[in-house]
Amino acid sequence: AIAGAGCFGLVCAAWAAQVLFDREALRRDRAVREAR
């Protein structure tokens, strides 16, 4: 059960990393910062 929860967490982290570490996220972050 603990190993399964760890595996599930790794899958979730990989899924989030696909969104957070792409060029589009950097572009959006830069645009929000400039707007502020």
PDB file of all heavy atoms in Angstrom:
ATOM      1  N   ALA A   1       0.831  -1.204   0.000  1.00  0.00           N
ATOM      2  CA  ALA A   1       0.000   0.000   0.000  1.00  0.00           C
ATOM      3  C   ALA A   1       0.869   1.259   0.000  1.00  0.00           C
ATOM      4  O   ALA A   1       0.573   2.227  -0.709  1.00  0.00           O
ATOM      5  CB  ALA A   1      -0.934   0.004   1.200  1.00  0.00           C
ATOM      6  N   ILE A   2       1.940   1.239   0.781  1.00  0.00           N
ATOM      7  CA  ILE A   2       2.837   2.394   0.822  1.00  0.00           C
ATOM      8  C   ILE A   2       3.567   2.545  -0.509  1.00  0.00           C
ATOM      9  O   ILE A   2       3.711   3.646  -1.029  1.00  0.00           O
ATOM     10  CB  ILE A   2       3.837   2.264   1.990  1.00  0.00           C
ATOM     11  CG1 ILE A   2       3.081   2.280   3.319  1.00  0.00           C
ATOM     12  CG2 ILE A   2       4.882   3.368   1.954  1.00  0.00           C
ATOM     13  CD1 ILE A   2       3.950   1.999   4.515  1.00  0.00           C
ATOM     14  N   ALA A   3       4.009   1.424  -1.065  1.00  0.00           N
ATOM     15  CA  ALA A   3       4.680   1.475  -2.361  1.00  0.00           C
ATOM     16  C   ALA A   3       3.722   1.961  -3.447  1.00  0.00           C
ATOM     17  O   ALA A   3       4.109   2.737  -4.320  1.00  0.00           O
ATOM     18  CB  ALA A   3       5.234   0.097  -2.723  1.00  0.00           C
ATOM     19  N   GLY A   4       2.476   1.553  -3.387  1.00  0.00           N
ATOM     20  CA  GLY A   4       1.484   2.006  -4.364  1.00  0.00           C
ATOM     21  C   GLY A   4       1.203   3.484  -4.247  1.00  0.00           C
ATOM     22  O   GLY A   4       1.054   4.185  -5.251  1.00  0.00           O
ATOM     23  N   ALA A   5       1.137   3.976  -3.007  1.00  0.00           N
ATOM     24  CA  ALA A   5       0.939   5.419  -2.813  1.00  0.00           C
ATOM     25  C   ALA A   5       2.134   6.204  -3.342  1.00  0.00           C
ATOM     26  O   ALA A   5       1.964   7.270  -3.944  1.00  0.00           O
ATOM     27  CB  ALA A   5       0.715   5.717  -1.339  1.00  0.00           C
ATOM     28  N   GLY A   6       3.326   5.686  -3.142  1.00  0.00           N
ATOM     29  CA  GLY A   6       4.518   6.341  -3.685  1.00  0.00           C
ATOM     30  C   GLY A   6       4.521   6.354  -5.196  1.00  0.00           C
ATOM     31  O   GLY A   6       4.879   7.355  -5.817  1.00  0.00           O
ATOM     32  N   CYS A   7       4.111   5.251  -5.792  1.00  0.00           N
ATOM     33  CA  CYS A   7       4.030   5.177  -7.251  1.00  0.00           C
ATOM     34  C   CYS A   7       2.989   6.159  -7.774  1.00  0.00           C
ATOM     35  O   CYS A   7       3.208   6.860  -8.759  1.00  0.00           O
ATOM     36  CB  CYS A   7       3.698   3.755  -7.665  1.00  0.00           C
ATOM     37  SG  CYS A   7       3.705   3.496  -9.439  1.00  0.00           S
ATOM     38  N   PHE A   8       1.838   6.228  -7.109  1.00  0.00           N
ATOM     39  CA  PHE A   8       0.797   7.165  -7.499  1.00  0.00           C
ATOM     40  C   PHE A   8       1.291   8.608  -7.397  1.00  0.00           C
ATOM     41  O   PHE A   8       1.045   9.431  -8.281  1.00  0.00           O
ATOM     42  CB  PHE A   8      -0.443   6.973  -6.622  1.00  0.00           C
ATOM     43  CG  PHE A   8      -1.561   7.903  -6.928  1.00  0.00           C
ATOM     44  CD1 PHE A   8      -2.341   7.722  -8.054  1.00  0.00           C
ATOM     45  CD2 PHE A   8      -1.832   8.970  -6.092  1.00  0.00           C
ATOM     46  CE1 PHE A   8      -3.376   8.590  -8.346  1.00  0.00           C
ATOM     47  CE2 PHE A   8      -2.863   9.840  -6.374  1.00  0.00           C
ATOM     48  CZ  PHE A   8      -3.641   9.655  -7.507  1.00  0.00           C
ATOM     49  N   GLY A   9       2.027   8.926  -6.328  1.00  0.00           N
ATOM     50  CA  GLY A   9       2.581  10.267  -6.167  1.00  0.00           C
ATOM     51  C   GLY A   9       3.580  10.611  -7.256  1.00  0.00           C
ATOM     52  O   GLY A   9       3.621  11.742  -7.745  1.00  0.00           O
ATOM     53  N   LEU A  10       4.397   9.633  -7.649  1.00  0.00           N
ATOM     54  CA  LEU A  10       5.350   9.881  -8.735  1.00  0.00           C
ATOM     55  C   LEU A  10       4.639  10.155 -10.055  1.00  0.00           C
ATOM     56  O   LEU A  10       5.055  11.024 -10.823  1.00  0.00           O
ATOM     57  CB  LEU A  10       6.301   8.691  -8.891  1.00  0.00           C
ATOM     58  CG  LEU A  10       7.433   8.617  -7.885  1.00  0.00           C
ATOM     59  CD1 LEU A  10       8.204   7.316  -8.073  1.00  0.00           C
ATOM     60  CD2 LEU A  10       8.354   9.803  -8.041  1.00  0.00           C
ATOM     61  N   VAL A  11       3.579   9.427 -10.313  1.00  0.00           N
ATOM     62  CA  VAL A  11       2.808   9.654 -11.546  1.00  0.00           C
ATOM     63  C   VAL A  11       2.189  11.050 -11.522  1.00  0.00           C
ATOM     64  O   VAL A  11       2.223  11.775 -12.522  1.00  0.00           O
ATOM     65  CB  VAL A  11       1.730   8.561 -11.723  1.00  0.00           C
ATOM     66  CG1 VAL A  11       0.763   8.922 -12.827  1.00  0.00           C
ATOM     67  CG2 VAL A  11       2.386   7.220 -12.000  1.00  0.00           C
ATOM     68  N   CYS A  12       1.640  11.442 -10.379  1.00  0.00           N
ATOM     69  CA  CYS A  12       1.043  12.776 -10.256  1.00  0.00           C
ATOM     70  C   CYS A  12       2.097  13.866 -10.417  1.00  0.00           C
ATOM     71  O   CYS A  12       1.842  14.890 -11.063  1.00  0.00           O
ATOM     72  CB  CYS A  12       0.340  12.919  -8.921  1.00  0.00           C
ATOM     73  SG  CYS A  12      -1.143  11.918  -8.800  1.00  0.00           S
ATOM     74  N   ALA A  13       3.273  13.669  -9.837  1.00  0.00           N
ATOM     75  CA  ALA A  13       4.344  14.654  -9.970  1.00  0.00           C
ATOM     76  C   ALA A  13       4.807  14.756 -11.425  1.00  0.00           C
ATOM     77  O   ALA A  13       5.069  15.857 -11.925  1.00  0.00           O
ATOM     78  CB  ALA A  13       5.514  14.285  -9.069  1.00  0.00           C
ATOM     79  N   ALA A  14       4.890  13.635 -12.116  1.00  0.00           N
ATOM     80  CA  ALA A  14       5.274  13.663 -13.529  1.00  0.00           C
ATOM     81  C   ALA A  14       4.222  14.373 -14.374  1.00  0.00           C
ATOM     82  O   ALA A  14       4.553  15.131 -15.290  1.00  0.00           O
ATOM     83  CB  ALA A  14       5.492  12.240 -14.040  1.00  0.00           C
ATOM     84  N   TRP A  15       2.968  14.156 -14.053  1.00  0.00           N
ATOM     85  CA  TRP A  15       1.880  14.809 -14.770  1.00  0.00           C
ATOM     86  C   TRP A  15       1.930  16.324 -14.559  1.00  0.00           C
ATOM     87  O   TRP A  15       1.796  17.107 -15.494  1.00  0.00           O
ATOM     88  CB  TRP A  15       0.560  14.219 -14.310  1.00  0.00           C
ATOM     89  CG  TRP A  15      -0.649  14.704 -15.021  1.00  0.00           C
ATOM     90  CD1 TRP A  15      -0.763  14.995 -16.351  1.00  0.00           C
ATOM     91  CD2 TRP A  15      -1.936  14.949 -14.454  1.00  0.00           C
ATOM     92  NE1 TRP A  15      -2.033  15.399 -16.632  1.00  0.00           N
ATOM     93  CE2 TRP A  15      -2.773  15.388 -15.492  1.00  0.00           C
ATOM     94  CE3 TRP A  15      -2.440  14.837 -13.168  1.00  0.00           C
ATOM     95  CZ2 TRP A  15      -4.094  15.709 -15.264  1.00  0.00           C
ATOM     96  CZ3 TRP A  15      -3.759  15.155 -12.952  1.00  0.00           C
ATOM     97  CH2 TRP A  15      -4.574  15.587 -13.993  1.00  0.00           C
ATOM     98  N   ALA A  16       2.158  16.747 -13.318  1.00  0.00           N
ATOM     99  CA  ALA A  16       2.259  18.177 -13.027  1.00  0.00           C
ATOM    100  C   ALA A  16       3.506  18.779 -13.670  1.00  0.00           C
ATOM    101  O   ALA A  16       3.475  19.920 -14.149  1.00  0.00           O
ATOM    102  CB  ALA A  16       2.276  18.403 -11.524  1.00  0.00           C
ATOM    103  N   ALA A  17       4.586  18.026 -13.713  1.00  0.00           N
ATOM    104  CA  ALA A  17       5.822  18.528 -14.313  1.00  0.00           C
ATOM    105  C   ALA A  17       5.668  18.785 -15.804  1.00  0.00           C
ATOM    106  O   ALA A  17       6.293  19.702 -16.340  1.00  0.00           O
ATOM    107  CB  ALA A  17       6.961  17.540 -14.067  1.00  0.00           C
ATOM    108  N   GLN A  18       4.846  18.011 -16.475  1.00  0.00           N
ATOM    109  CA  GLN A  18       4.616  18.245 -17.900  1.00  0.00           C
ATOM    110  C   GLN A  18       4.028  19.626 -18.145  1.00  0.00           C
ATOM    111  O   GLN A  18       4.304  20.259 -19.155  1.00  0.00           O
ATOM    112  CB  GLN A  18       3.682  17.187 -18.477  1.00  0.00           C
ATOM    113  CG  GLN A  18       4.298  15.835 -18.594  1.00  0.00           C
ATOM    114  CD  GLN A  18       3.305  14.815 -19.122  1.00  0.00           C
ATOM    115  OE1 GLN A  18       2.131  15.088 -19.291  1.00  0.00           O
ATOM    116  NE2 GLN A  18       3.793  13.623 -19.377  1.00  0.00           N
ATOM    117  N   VAL A  19       3.229  20.103 -17.211  1.00  0.00           N
ATOM    118  CA  VAL A  19       2.606  21.417 -17.358  1.00  0.00           C
ATOM    119  C   VAL A  19       3.531  22.516 -16.839  1.00  0.00           C
ATOM    120  O   VAL A  19       3.630  23.580 -17.443  1.00  0.00           O
ATOM    121  CB  VAL A  19       1.269  21.454 -16.587  1.00  0.00           C
ATOM    122  CG1 VAL A  19       0.650  22.827 -16.627  1.00  0.00           C
ATOM    123  CG2 VAL A  19       0.310  20.413 -17.144  1.00  0.00           C
ATOM    124  N   LEU A  20       4.224  22.271 -15.741  1.00  0.00           N
ATOM    125  CA  LEU A  20       5.005  23.320 -15.085  1.00  0.00           C
ATOM    126  C   LEU A  20       6.352  23.590 -15.733  1.00  0.00           C
ATOM    127  O   LEU A  20       6.901  24.672 -15.592  1.00  0.00           O
ATOM    128  CB  LEU A  20       5.229  22.959 -13.617  1.00  0.00           C
ATOM    129  CG  LEU A  20       3.976  22.942 -12.752  1.00  0.00           C
ATOM    130  CD1 LEU A  20       4.317  22.422 -11.366  1.00  0.00           C
ATOM    131  CD2 LEU A  20       3.367  24.318 -12.665  1.00  0.00           C
ATOM    132  N   PHE A  21       6.914  22.630 -16.420  1.00  0.00           N
ATOM    133  CA  PHE A  21       8.263  22.782 -16.941  1.00  0.00           C
ATOM    134  C   PHE A  21       8.310  22.930 -18.459  1.00  0.00           C
ATOM    135  O   PHE A  21       9.325  22.638 -19.075  1.00  0.00           O
ATOM    136  CB  PHE A  21       9.134  21.590 -16.511  1.00  0.00           C
ATOM    137  CG  PHE A  21       9.412  21.574 -15.040  1.00  0.00           C
ATOM    138  CD1 PHE A  21       8.603  20.857 -14.178  1.00  0.00           C
ATOM    139  CD2 PHE A  21      10.460  22.280 -14.516  1.00  0.00           C
ATOM    140  CE1 PHE A  21       8.848  20.839 -12.816  1.00  0.00           C
ATOM    141  CE2 PHE A  21      10.723  22.275 -13.157  1.00  0.00           C
ATOM    142  CZ  PHE A  21       9.907  21.549 -12.309  1.00  0.00           C
ATOM    143  N   ASP A  22       7.232  23.422 -19.066  1.00  0.00           N
ATOM    144  CA  ASP A  22       7.264  23.624 -20.515  1.00  0.00           C
ATOM    145  C   ASP A  22       7.439  25.106 -20.845  1.00  0.00           C
ATOM    146  O   ASP A  22       7.340  25.975 -19.991  1.00  0.00           O
ATOM    147  CB  ASP A  22       6.015  23.057 -21.185  1.00  0.00           C
ATOM    148  CG  ASP A  22       4.756  23.828 -20.824  1.00  0.00           C
ATOM    149  OD1 ASP A  22       4.806  24.628 -19.880  1.00  0.00           O
ATOM    150  OD2 ASP A  22       3.744  23.619 -21.490  1.00  0.00           O
ATOM    151  N   ARG A  23       7.735  25.408 -22.098  1.00  0.00           N
ATOM    152  CA  ARG A  23       7.980  26.790 -22.518  1.00  0.00           C
ATOM    153  C   ARG A  23       6.726  27.646 -22.424  1.00  0.00           C
ATOM    154  O   ARG A  23       6.810  28.837 -22.154  1.00  0.00           O
ATOM    155  CB  ARG A  23       8.504  26.812 -23.950  1.00  0.00           C
ATOM    156  CG  ARG A  23       9.888  26.262 -24.083  1.00  0.00           C
ATOM    157  CD  ARG A  23      10.336  26.321 -25.527  1.00  0.00           C
ATOM    158  NE  ARG A  23      11.501  25.500 -25.728  1.00  0.00           N
ATOM    159  CZ  ARG A  23      12.716  25.996 -25.835  1.00  0.00           C
ATOM    160  NH1 ARG A  23      12.912  27.282 -25.753  1.00  0.00           N
ATOM    161  NH2 ARG A  23      13.728  25.196 -26.019  1.00  0.00           N
ATOM    162  N   GLU A  24       5.577  27.055 -22.620  1.00  0.00           N
ATOM    163  CA  GLU A  24       4.328  27.811 -22.554  1.00  0.00           C
ATOM    164  C   GLU A  24       4.083  28.335 -21.142  1.00  0.00           C
ATOM    165  O   GLU A  24       3.620  29.466 -20.963  1.00  0.00           O
ATOM    166  CB  GLU A  24       3.166  26.924 -23.005  1.00  0.00           C
ATOM    167  CG  GLU A  24       1.866  27.663 -23.175  1.00  0.00           C
ATOM    168  CD  GLU A  24       1.888  28.674 -24.295  1.00  0.00           C
ATOM    169  OE1 GLU A  24       2.707  28.563 -25.221  1.00  0.00           O
ATOM    170  OE2 GLU A  24       1.063  29.613 -24.233  1.00  0.00           O
ATOM    171  N   ALA A  25       4.404  27.554 -20.142  1.00  0.00           N
ATOM    172  CA  ALA A  25       4.248  28.008 -18.756  1.00  0.00           C
ATOM    173  C   ALA A  25       5.188  29.174 -18.476  1.00  0.00           C
ATOM    174  O   ALA A  25       4.804  30.132 -17.793  1.00  0.00           O
ATOM    175  CB  ALA A  25       4.517  26.861 -17.791  1.00  0.00           C
ATOM    176  N   LEU A  26       6.403  29.113 -18.987  1.00  0.00           N
ATOM    177  CA  LEU A  26       7.330  30.219 -18.816  1.00  0.00           C
ATOM    178  C   LEU A  26       6.817  31.480 -19.497  1.00  0.00           C
ATOM    179  O   LEU A  26       6.926  32.578 -18.956  1.00  0.00           O
ATOM    180  CB  LEU A  26       8.709  29.848 -19.374  1.00  0.00           C
ATOM    181  CG  LEU A  26       9.470  28.773 -18.627  1.00  0.00           C
ATOM    182  CD1 LEU A  26      10.737  28.413 -19.381  1.00  0.00           C
ATOM    183  CD2 LEU A  26       9.802  29.246 -17.232  1.00  0.00           C
ATOM    184  N   ARG A  27       6.241  31.340 -20.671  1.00  0.00           N
ATOM    185  CA  ARG A  27       5.705  32.488 -21.393  1.00  0.00           C
ATOM    186  C   ARG A  27       4.545  33.110 -20.625  1.00  0.00           C
ATOM    187  O   ARG A  27       4.470  34.328 -20.469  1.00  0.00           O
ATOM    188  CB  ARG A  27       5.250  32.071 -22.791  1.00  0.00           C
ATOM    189  CG  ARG A  27       4.834  33.243 -23.654  1.00  0.00           C
ATOM    190  CD  ARG A  27       4.164  32.795 -24.934  1.00  0.00           C
ATOM    191  NE  ARG A  27       2.914  32.093 -24.695  1.00  0.00           N
ATOM    192  CZ  ARG A  27       1.767  32.680 -24.353  1.00  0.00           C
ATOM    193  NH1 ARG A  27       1.707  33.976 -24.187  1.00  0.00           N
ATOM    194  NH2 ARG A  27       0.679  31.976 -24.173  1.00  0.00           N
ATOM    195  N   ARG A  28       3.632  32.279 -20.109  1.00  0.00           N
ATOM    196  CA  ARG A  28       2.499  32.797 -19.343  1.00  0.00           C
ATOM    197  C   ARG A  28       2.968  33.488 -18.070  1.00  0.00           C
ATOM    198  O   ARG A  28       2.463  34.553 -17.711  1.00  0.00           O
ATOM    199  CB  ARG A  28       1.528  31.666 -18.995  1.00  0.00           C
ATOM    200  CG  ARG A  28       0.705  31.195 -20.151  1.00  0.00           C
ATOM    201  CD  ARG A  28      -0.385  30.241 -19.692  1.00  0.00           C
ATOM    202  NE  ARG A  28       0.099  29.133 -18.884  1.00  0.00           N
ATOM    203  CZ  ARG A  28       0.430  27.943 -19.358  1.00  0.00           C
ATOM    204  NH1 ARG A  28       0.300  27.679 -20.634  1.00  0.00           N
ATOM    205  NH2 ARG A  28       0.864  27.001 -18.551  1.00  0.00           N
ATOM    206  N   ASP A  29       3.938  32.897 -17.382  1.00  0.00           N
ATOM    207  CA  ASP A  29       4.455  33.491 -16.159  1.00  0.00           C
ATOM    208  C   ASP A  29       5.087  34.852 -16.436  1.00  0.00           C
ATOM    209  O   ASP A  29       4.881  35.808 -15.696  1.00  0.00           O
ATOM    210  CB  ASP A  29       5.471  32.553 -15.517  1.00  0.00           C
ATOM    211  CG  ASP A  29       6.002  33.085 -14.207  1.00  0.00           C
ATOM    212  OD1 ASP A  29       5.174  33.342 -13.305  1.00  0.00           O
ATOM    213  OD2 ASP A  29       7.233  33.232 -14.094  1.00  0.00           O
ATOM    214  N   ARG A  30       5.843  34.950 -17.509  1.00  0.00           N
ATOM    215  CA  ARG A  30       6.470  36.214 -17.878  1.00  0.00           C
ATOM    216  C   ARG A  30       5.409  37.258 -18.215  1.00  0.00           C
ATOM    217  O   ARG A  30       5.519  38.421 -17.807  1.00  0.00           O
ATOM    218  CB  ARG A  30       7.401  36.006 -19.076  1.00  0.00           C
ATOM    219  CG  ARG A  30       8.278  37.189 -19.360  1.00  0.00           C
ATOM    220  CD  ARG A  30       9.255  36.932 -20.509  1.00  0.00           C
ATOM    221  NE  ARG A  30       9.977  35.690 -20.367  1.00  0.00           N
ATOM    222  CZ  ARG A  30       9.882  34.655 -21.230  1.00  0.00           C
ATOM    223  NH1 ARG A  30       9.099  34.726 -22.275  1.00  0.00           N
ATOM    224  NH2 ARG A  30      10.587  33.565 -21.033  1.00  0.00           N
ATOM    225  N   ALA A  31       4.354  36.863 -18.920  1.00  0.00           N
ATOM    226  CA  ALA A  31       3.294  37.801 -19.282  1.00  0.00           C
ATOM    227  C   ALA A  31       2.553  38.305 -18.046  1.00  0.00           C
ATOM    228  O   ALA A  31       2.242  39.500 -17.942  1.00  0.00           O
ATOM    229  CB  ALA A  31       2.313  37.130 -20.240  1.00  0.00           C
ATOM    230  N   VAL A  32       2.285  37.425 -17.100  1.00  0.00           N
ATOM    231  CA  VAL A  32       1.609  37.845 -15.861  1.00  0.00           C
ATOM    232  C   VAL A  32       2.499  38.793 -15.073  1.00  0.00           C
ATOM    233  O   VAL A  32       2.037  39.815 -14.554  1.00  0.00           O
ATOM    234  CB  VAL A  32       1.220  36.611 -15.025  1.00  0.00           C
ATOM    235  CG1 VAL A  32       0.805  37.007 -13.623  1.00  0.00           C
ATOM    236  CG2 VAL A  32       0.119  35.832 -15.709  1.00  0.00           C
ATOM    237  N   ARG A  33       3.778  38.482 -14.976  1.00  0.00           N
ATOM    238  CA  ARG A  33       4.702  39.337 -14.241  1.00  0.00           C
ATOM    239  C   ARG A  33       4.793  40.727 -14.870  1.00  0.00           C
ATOM    240  O   ARG A  33       4.774  41.748 -14.179  1.00  0.00           O
ATOM    241  CB  ARG A  33       6.086  38.678 -14.209  1.00  0.00           C
ATOM    242  CG  ARG A  33       6.964  39.200 -13.129  1.00  0.00           C
ATOM    243  CD  ARG A  33       8.281  38.433 -12.965  1.00  0.00           C
ATOM    244  NE  ARG A  33       8.267  37.084 -13.468  1.00  0.00           N
ATOM    245  CZ  ARG A  33       9.071  36.646 -14.449  1.00  0.00           C
ATOM    246  NH1 ARG A  33       9.936  37.454 -15.015  1.00  0.00           N
ATOM    247  NH2 ARG A  33       9.016  35.383 -14.849  1.00  0.00           N
ATOM    248  N   GLU A  34       4.879  40.795 -16.209  1.00  0.00           N
ATOM    249  CA  GLU A  34       4.930  42.081 -16.890  1.00  0.00           C
ATOM    250  C   GLU A  34       3.638  42.865 -16.707  1.00  0.00           C
ATOM    251  O   GLU A  34       3.685  44.089 -16.539  1.00  0.00           O
ATOM    252  CB  GLU A  34       5.222  41.867 -18.373  1.00  0.00           C
ATOM    253  CG  GLU A  34       6.643  41.403 -18.633  1.00  0.00           C
ATOM    254  CD  GLU A  34       6.875  40.994 -20.083  1.00  0.00           C
ATOM    255  OE1 GLU A  34       5.914  41.054 -20.889  1.00  0.00           O
ATOM    256  OE2 GLU A  34       8.005  40.619 -20.399  1.00  0.00           O
ATOM    257  N   ALA A  35       2.505  42.185 -16.710  1.00  0.00           N
ATOM    258  CA  ALA A  35       1.232  42.868 -16.501  1.00  0.00           C
ATOM    259  C   ALA A  35       1.155  43.456 -15.099  1.00  0.00           C
ATOM    260  O   ALA A  35       0.654  44.564 -14.899  1.00  0.00           O
ATOM    261  CB  ALA A  35       0.065  41.906 -16.738  1.00  0.00           C
ATOM    262  N   ARG A  36       1.642  42.716 -14.116  1.00  0.00           N
ATOM    263  CA  ARG A  36       1.659  43.239 -12.733  1.00  0.00           C
ATOM    264  C   ARG A  36       2.548  44.473 -12.631  1.00  0.00           C
ATOM    265  O   ARG A  36       2.209  45.445 -11.974  1.00  0.00           O
ATOM    266  CB  ARG A  36       2.169  42.177 -11.766  1.00  0.00           C
ATOM    267  CG  ARG A  36       1.177  41.120 -11.451  1.00  0.00           C
ATOM    268  CD  ARG A  36       1.784  40.164 -10.453  1.00  0.00           C
ATOM    269  NE  ARG A  36       0.915  39.034 -10.217  1.00  0.00           N
ATOM    270  CZ  ARG A  36       1.328  37.883  -9.740  1.00  0.00           C
ATOM    271  NH1 ARG A  36       2.603  37.707  -9.443  1.00  0.00           N
ATOM    272  NH2 ARG A  36       0.481  36.901  -9.538  1.00  0.00           N
TER     273      ARG A  36
END
